[in-house]
N, C-alpha and C. Protein backbone atom coordinates (compact mmCIF):
# COMPACT_ATOMS: atom_id res chain seq x y z
N MET A 1 -10.87 24.88 17.86
CA MET A 1 -9.91 23.93 18.39
C MET A 1 -9.16 24.61 19.52
N GLU A 2 -9.00 23.88 20.61
CA GLU A 2 -8.27 24.42 21.75
C GLU A 2 -7.07 23.51 22.04
N LEU A 3 -5.88 24.01 21.74
CA LEU A 3 -4.66 23.25 21.99
C LEU A 3 -4.15 23.51 23.40
N PRO A 4 -3.48 22.54 23.97
CA PRO A 4 -2.87 22.77 25.29
C PRO A 4 -1.85 23.91 25.22
N SER A 5 -1.65 24.56 26.33
CA SER A 5 -0.70 25.65 26.41
C SER A 5 0.68 25.19 25.93
N GLY A 6 1.32 25.99 25.10
CA GLY A 6 2.65 25.68 24.60
C GLY A 6 2.65 24.84 23.33
N CYS A 7 1.48 24.39 22.86
CA CYS A 7 1.40 23.58 21.64
C CYS A 7 0.96 24.45 20.47
N ARG A 8 1.32 24.04 19.28
CA ARG A 8 0.93 24.75 18.06
C ARG A 8 0.61 23.74 16.97
N LEU A 9 -0.24 24.13 16.06
CA LEU A 9 -0.57 23.31 14.89
C LEU A 9 0.38 23.69 13.78
N SER A 10 0.99 22.68 13.14
CA SER A 10 1.86 22.97 12.00
C SER A 10 1.45 22.08 10.83
N ILE A 11 1.39 22.68 9.66
CA ILE A 11 1.12 21.94 8.43
C ILE A 11 2.44 21.91 7.68
N GLU A 12 2.95 20.69 7.43
CA GLU A 12 4.31 20.54 6.91
C GLU A 12 4.31 19.82 5.57
N LYS A 13 4.91 20.44 4.59
CA LYS A 13 5.08 19.83 3.29
C LYS A 13 6.23 18.82 3.39
N GLU A 14 5.99 17.62 2.88
CA GLU A 14 6.99 16.55 2.92
C GLU A 14 7.53 16.31 4.32
N PRO A 15 6.66 15.88 5.24
CA PRO A 15 7.11 15.62 6.61
C PRO A 15 8.20 14.55 6.65
N ALA A 16 9.02 14.62 7.65
CA ALA A 16 10.12 13.65 7.81
C ALA A 16 9.55 12.24 7.96
N TRP A 17 10.24 11.27 7.38
CA TRP A 17 9.80 9.88 7.49
C TRP A 17 9.74 9.46 8.96
N SER A 18 10.63 9.95 9.79
CA SER A 18 10.61 9.61 11.22
C SER A 18 9.34 10.13 11.89
N ASP A 19 8.82 11.27 11.45
CA ASP A 19 7.56 11.79 11.99
C ASP A 19 6.39 10.90 11.57
N ARG A 20 6.40 10.44 10.32
CA ARG A 20 5.37 9.53 9.85
C ARG A 20 5.41 8.24 10.66
N GLU A 21 6.61 7.71 10.89
CA GLU A 21 6.74 6.48 11.66
C GLU A 21 6.26 6.67 13.10
N PHE A 22 6.52 7.84 13.68
CA PHE A 22 6.07 8.12 15.04
C PHE A 22 4.55 8.07 15.13
N VAL A 23 3.86 8.78 14.22
CA VAL A 23 2.40 8.81 14.22
C VAL A 23 1.85 7.41 13.94
N ASP A 24 2.46 6.70 12.99
CA ASP A 24 2.04 5.34 12.66
C ASP A 24 2.17 4.43 13.88
N ALA A 25 3.26 4.53 14.60
CA ALA A 25 3.47 3.69 15.79
C ALA A 25 2.46 4.00 16.88
N ARG A 26 2.16 5.27 17.10
CA ARG A 26 1.18 5.63 18.13
C ARG A 26 -0.21 5.13 17.76
N LEU A 27 -0.58 5.26 16.48
CA LEU A 27 -1.88 4.73 16.03
C LEU A 27 -1.89 3.22 16.18
N GLY A 28 -0.77 2.58 15.84
CA GLY A 28 -0.67 1.12 16.01
C GLY A 28 -0.83 0.70 17.46
N ASP A 29 -0.26 1.49 18.38
CA ASP A 29 -0.43 1.19 19.81
C ASP A 29 -1.90 1.19 20.19
N TYR A 30 -2.63 2.17 19.69
CA TYR A 30 -4.07 2.26 19.99
C TYR A 30 -4.83 1.10 19.34
N ASN A 31 -4.53 0.82 18.07
CA ASN A 31 -5.25 -0.20 17.32
C ASN A 31 -5.05 -1.60 17.88
N GLU A 32 -3.92 -1.84 18.50
CA GLU A 32 -3.55 -3.19 18.93
C GLU A 32 -4.62 -3.86 19.78
N ALA A 33 -5.29 -3.10 20.62
CA ALA A 33 -6.31 -3.68 21.50
C ALA A 33 -7.53 -4.16 20.72
N PHE A 34 -7.70 -3.69 19.50
CA PHE A 34 -8.90 -4.01 18.72
C PHE A 34 -8.64 -5.04 17.61
N LEU A 35 -7.40 -5.33 17.32
CA LEU A 35 -7.07 -6.21 16.20
C LEU A 35 -6.71 -7.61 16.68
N ARG A 36 -7.15 -8.59 15.91
CA ARG A 36 -6.79 -9.97 16.20
C ARG A 36 -5.28 -10.17 16.04
N ASP A 37 -4.72 -9.52 15.03
CA ASP A 37 -3.29 -9.63 14.72
C ASP A 37 -2.79 -8.24 14.35
N ALA A 38 -1.94 -7.67 15.17
CA ALA A 38 -1.48 -6.29 14.96
C ALA A 38 -0.11 -6.21 14.28
N ARG A 39 0.39 -7.33 13.76
CA ARG A 39 1.67 -7.27 13.06
C ARG A 39 1.56 -6.37 11.84
N TYR A 40 2.69 -5.82 11.40
CA TYR A 40 2.73 -4.90 10.26
C TYR A 40 3.92 -5.26 9.38
N ASP A 41 3.72 -5.20 8.08
CA ASP A 41 4.83 -5.44 7.14
C ASP A 41 4.69 -4.47 5.97
N TYR A 42 5.75 -3.75 5.68
CA TYR A 42 5.81 -2.80 4.57
C TYR A 42 6.79 -3.38 3.55
N PHE A 43 6.41 -3.42 2.27
CA PHE A 43 7.27 -4.08 1.29
C PHE A 43 7.16 -3.44 -0.09
N GLY A 44 8.14 -3.74 -0.91
CA GLY A 44 8.14 -3.34 -2.30
C GLY A 44 8.49 -4.53 -3.17
N ILE A 45 7.91 -4.59 -4.34
CA ILE A 45 8.22 -5.61 -5.34
C ILE A 45 8.58 -4.84 -6.60
N PHE A 46 9.76 -5.14 -7.17
CA PHE A 46 10.25 -4.35 -8.28
C PHE A 46 10.73 -5.22 -9.44
N VAL A 47 10.61 -4.69 -10.64
CA VAL A 47 11.29 -5.24 -11.81
C VAL A 47 12.36 -4.21 -12.14
N ARG A 48 13.61 -4.66 -12.13
CA ARG A 48 14.74 -3.77 -12.39
C ARG A 48 15.50 -4.24 -13.62
N ASP A 49 16.07 -3.29 -14.35
CA ASP A 49 16.87 -3.66 -15.52
C ASP A 49 18.33 -3.89 -15.11
N ALA A 50 19.18 -4.13 -16.09
CA ALA A 50 20.59 -4.44 -15.83
C ALA A 50 21.32 -3.30 -15.12
N ASP A 51 20.82 -2.07 -15.27
CA ASP A 51 21.42 -0.91 -14.60
C ASP A 51 20.76 -0.63 -13.25
N ASN A 52 19.93 -1.55 -12.79
CA ASN A 52 19.22 -1.46 -11.52
C ASN A 52 18.13 -0.38 -11.51
N GLU A 53 17.74 0.08 -12.70
CA GLU A 53 16.65 1.05 -12.81
C GLU A 53 15.32 0.32 -12.66
N ILE A 54 14.38 0.95 -11.94
CA ILE A 54 13.07 0.35 -11.75
C ILE A 54 12.26 0.50 -13.03
N ARG A 55 11.77 -0.63 -13.53
CA ARG A 55 10.93 -0.66 -14.74
C ARG A 55 9.46 -0.90 -14.39
N ALA A 56 9.22 -1.44 -13.19
CA ALA A 56 7.87 -1.67 -12.67
C ALA A 56 8.00 -1.82 -11.17
N GLY A 57 6.94 -1.44 -10.45
CA GLY A 57 7.03 -1.56 -9.00
C GLY A 57 5.67 -1.58 -8.33
N LEU A 58 5.66 -2.22 -7.19
CA LEU A 58 4.49 -2.29 -6.33
C LEU A 58 4.95 -1.98 -4.91
N ILE A 59 4.23 -1.07 -4.25
CA ILE A 59 4.49 -0.75 -2.85
C ILE A 59 3.25 -1.13 -2.07
N GLY A 60 3.44 -1.91 -1.02
CA GLY A 60 2.29 -2.35 -0.25
C GLY A 60 2.61 -2.55 1.22
N SER A 61 1.57 -2.88 1.96
CA SER A 61 1.75 -3.19 3.37
C SER A 61 0.70 -4.23 3.78
N LEU A 62 1.02 -4.91 4.86
CA LEU A 62 0.13 -5.93 5.43
C LEU A 62 -0.16 -5.52 6.86
N TYR A 63 -1.46 -5.43 7.20
CA TYR A 63 -1.82 -4.99 8.55
C TYR A 63 -3.29 -5.29 8.82
N GLY A 64 -3.56 -5.80 9.99
CA GLY A 64 -4.94 -6.02 10.42
C GLY A 64 -5.74 -6.90 9.48
N ASP A 65 -5.16 -8.00 9.01
CA ASP A 65 -5.80 -8.93 8.08
C ASP A 65 -5.92 -8.39 6.65
N TRP A 66 -5.30 -7.25 6.35
CA TRP A 66 -5.45 -6.62 5.04
C TRP A 66 -4.12 -6.52 4.30
N LEU A 67 -4.21 -6.73 2.98
CA LEU A 67 -3.14 -6.34 2.05
C LEU A 67 -3.55 -4.98 1.51
N PHE A 68 -2.70 -3.99 1.69
CA PHE A 68 -2.92 -2.67 1.12
C PHE A 68 -1.91 -2.46 0.00
N THR A 69 -2.39 -2.36 -1.23
CA THR A 69 -1.52 -2.03 -2.36
C THR A 69 -1.66 -0.53 -2.59
N ASN A 70 -0.62 0.20 -2.23
CA ASN A 70 -0.67 1.66 -2.30
C ASN A 70 -0.25 2.18 -3.67
N LEU A 71 0.71 1.53 -4.27
CA LEU A 71 1.22 1.96 -5.57
C LEU A 71 1.50 0.75 -6.45
N LEU A 72 1.10 0.82 -7.70
CA LEU A 72 1.42 -0.22 -8.68
C LEU A 72 1.63 0.47 -10.01
N TRP A 73 2.82 0.33 -10.56
CA TRP A 73 3.17 1.00 -11.81
C TRP A 73 4.01 0.08 -12.68
N VAL A 74 3.70 0.07 -13.96
CA VAL A 74 4.49 -0.67 -14.95
C VAL A 74 4.80 0.30 -16.09
N ARG A 75 6.05 0.39 -16.46
CA ARG A 75 6.48 1.26 -17.55
C ARG A 75 5.63 0.95 -18.79
N VAL A 76 5.25 1.98 -19.53
CA VAL A 76 4.32 1.84 -20.65
C VAL A 76 4.71 0.73 -21.61
N GLU A 77 5.97 0.69 -22.03
CA GLU A 77 6.35 -0.31 -23.03
C GLU A 77 6.40 -1.73 -22.49
N LEU A 78 6.24 -1.90 -21.17
CA LEU A 78 6.23 -3.24 -20.58
C LEU A 78 4.82 -3.73 -20.25
N ARG A 79 3.84 -2.88 -20.43
CA ARG A 79 2.47 -3.26 -20.10
C ARG A 79 1.94 -4.32 -21.07
N GLY A 80 1.01 -5.13 -20.60
CA GLY A 80 0.43 -6.18 -21.43
C GLY A 80 1.25 -7.46 -21.46
N ARG A 81 2.29 -7.56 -20.65
CA ARG A 81 3.15 -8.75 -20.61
C ARG A 81 2.92 -9.59 -19.35
N GLY A 82 1.96 -9.20 -18.52
CA GLY A 82 1.69 -9.95 -17.29
C GLY A 82 2.53 -9.52 -16.10
N ILE A 83 3.32 -8.46 -16.24
CA ILE A 83 4.20 -8.03 -15.16
C ILE A 83 3.39 -7.50 -13.98
N GLY A 84 2.42 -6.63 -14.24
CA GLY A 84 1.58 -6.10 -13.17
C GLY A 84 0.83 -7.20 -12.45
N ARG A 85 0.25 -8.11 -13.23
CA ARG A 85 -0.47 -9.25 -12.65
C ARG A 85 0.46 -10.08 -11.77
N HIS A 86 1.66 -10.35 -12.26
CA HIS A 86 2.60 -11.17 -11.49
C HIS A 86 3.01 -10.47 -10.19
N MET A 87 3.26 -9.17 -10.24
CA MET A 87 3.64 -8.45 -9.02
C MET A 87 2.48 -8.47 -8.02
N LEU A 88 1.26 -8.28 -8.50
CA LEU A 88 0.09 -8.31 -7.62
C LEU A 88 -0.10 -9.70 -7.04
N GLU A 89 0.10 -10.73 -7.84
CA GLU A 89 -0.01 -12.10 -7.33
C GLU A 89 1.05 -12.38 -6.27
N GLU A 90 2.24 -11.86 -6.46
CA GLU A 90 3.30 -12.01 -5.45
C GLU A 90 2.89 -11.32 -4.15
N ALA A 91 2.32 -10.12 -4.26
CA ALA A 91 1.85 -9.40 -3.07
C ALA A 91 0.74 -10.18 -2.37
N GLU A 92 -0.18 -10.74 -3.15
CA GLU A 92 -1.28 -11.52 -2.58
C GLU A 92 -0.76 -12.78 -1.89
N ALA A 93 0.22 -13.45 -2.48
CA ALA A 93 0.79 -14.65 -1.87
C ALA A 93 1.48 -14.28 -0.55
N ARG A 94 2.17 -13.16 -0.55
CA ARG A 94 2.82 -12.67 0.67
C ARG A 94 1.75 -12.40 1.74
N ALA A 95 0.63 -11.80 1.33
CA ALA A 95 -0.45 -11.49 2.25
C ALA A 95 -1.07 -12.75 2.84
N VAL A 96 -1.32 -13.75 2.02
CA VAL A 96 -1.90 -15.01 2.50
C VAL A 96 -0.95 -15.66 3.50
N ALA A 97 0.34 -15.70 3.19
CA ALA A 97 1.32 -16.28 4.10
C ALA A 97 1.38 -15.51 5.42
N PHE A 98 1.09 -14.23 5.38
CA PHE A 98 1.10 -13.38 6.57
C PHE A 98 -0.18 -13.55 7.38
N GLY A 99 -1.22 -14.14 6.77
CA GLY A 99 -2.49 -14.36 7.45
C GLY A 99 -3.59 -13.38 7.08
N CYS A 100 -3.38 -12.63 6.00
CA CYS A 100 -4.39 -11.65 5.57
C CYS A 100 -5.57 -12.36 4.89
N HIS A 101 -6.74 -11.72 4.99
CA HIS A 101 -7.95 -12.25 4.38
C HIS A 101 -8.60 -11.28 3.41
N TRP A 102 -8.10 -10.05 3.34
CA TRP A 102 -8.72 -9.00 2.55
C TRP A 102 -7.65 -8.24 1.79
N ALA A 103 -8.07 -7.58 0.71
CA ALA A 103 -7.12 -6.80 -0.09
C ALA A 103 -7.77 -5.48 -0.51
N TRP A 104 -6.96 -4.45 -0.53
CA TRP A 104 -7.39 -3.10 -0.90
C TRP A 104 -6.35 -2.54 -1.87
N ILE A 105 -6.81 -1.99 -2.97
CA ILE A 105 -5.91 -1.33 -3.92
C ILE A 105 -6.30 0.13 -4.00
N ASP A 106 -5.35 1.00 -3.77
CA ASP A 106 -5.58 2.44 -3.85
C ASP A 106 -5.25 2.88 -5.28
N THR A 107 -6.28 3.27 -6.03
CA THR A 107 -6.10 3.63 -7.43
C THR A 107 -7.18 4.62 -7.86
N PHE A 108 -6.92 5.32 -8.93
CA PHE A 108 -7.93 6.18 -9.53
C PHE A 108 -8.75 5.38 -10.53
N SER A 109 -9.96 5.85 -10.81
CA SER A 109 -10.86 5.13 -11.71
C SER A 109 -10.30 5.00 -13.13
N PHE A 110 -9.38 5.87 -13.53
CA PHE A 110 -8.80 5.81 -14.87
C PHE A 110 -7.53 4.98 -14.93
N GLN A 111 -7.10 4.44 -13.81
CA GLN A 111 -5.86 3.65 -13.78
C GLN A 111 -6.16 2.16 -13.89
N ALA A 112 -6.32 1.71 -15.11
CA ALA A 112 -6.48 0.28 -15.44
C ALA A 112 -7.63 -0.42 -14.70
N PRO A 113 -8.83 0.14 -14.72
CA PRO A 113 -9.94 -0.51 -14.00
C PRO A 113 -10.23 -1.93 -14.49
N GLU A 114 -10.12 -2.16 -15.80
CA GLU A 114 -10.39 -3.50 -16.33
C GLU A 114 -9.33 -4.50 -15.88
N PHE A 115 -8.10 -4.06 -15.75
CA PHE A 115 -7.02 -4.91 -15.24
C PHE A 115 -7.38 -5.45 -13.86
N TYR A 116 -7.81 -4.58 -12.97
CA TYR A 116 -8.14 -5.00 -11.61
C TYR A 116 -9.39 -5.88 -11.57
N LYS A 117 -10.39 -5.53 -12.37
CA LYS A 117 -11.61 -6.35 -12.43
C LYS A 117 -11.29 -7.76 -12.91
N LYS A 118 -10.42 -7.85 -13.92
CA LYS A 118 -10.02 -9.16 -14.47
C LYS A 118 -9.36 -10.02 -13.40
N LEU A 119 -8.73 -9.38 -12.43
CA LEU A 119 -8.06 -10.11 -11.36
C LEU A 119 -8.97 -10.35 -10.15
N GLY A 120 -10.25 -9.97 -10.28
CA GLY A 120 -11.22 -10.27 -9.23
C GLY A 120 -11.50 -9.14 -8.25
N TYR A 121 -10.89 -7.98 -8.48
CA TYR A 121 -11.13 -6.86 -7.58
C TYR A 121 -12.42 -6.14 -7.96
N GLN A 122 -13.09 -5.58 -6.96
CA GLN A 122 -14.33 -4.85 -7.16
C GLN A 122 -14.15 -3.40 -6.74
N GLU A 123 -14.77 -2.52 -7.49
CA GLU A 123 -14.73 -1.11 -7.14
C GLU A 123 -15.70 -0.87 -5.98
N ILE A 124 -15.21 -0.24 -4.92
CA ILE A 124 -16.08 0.00 -3.77
C ILE A 124 -16.28 1.49 -3.49
N CYS A 125 -15.47 2.33 -4.06
CA CYS A 125 -15.61 3.78 -3.87
C CYS A 125 -15.58 4.47 -5.21
N PRO A 126 -16.66 4.32 -6.00
CA PRO A 126 -16.64 4.90 -7.34
C PRO A 126 -16.55 6.43 -7.30
N ALA A 127 -15.96 6.95 -8.35
CA ALA A 127 -15.76 8.41 -8.45
C ALA A 127 -17.08 9.12 -8.56
């Protein structure tokens, strides 16, 4: 690798959120010429208790016709009550209203595979 004079490569643990946003914005600038719709939306859906503690949560984004579900978690004692399904359905409804046509869930093969299959998701990158 040959870096321009005065530049250095740095590997940073827990980079600043502003640095992440900078790289994301520059990539978005490049992608815009190739996407039908380059709008972006980052969101969270939460179940909170009376003390405002998170009991379940979904973190996702909408971009380039896609719903990306990056994180989905339900506290153990709340599982099996339809909470995860409801949060995912809310994310999907948000995606449809935004104009998305596709959905991606980032998960490990041991993280509720039958739950996702029951909701119509297919495994595309098996372990």
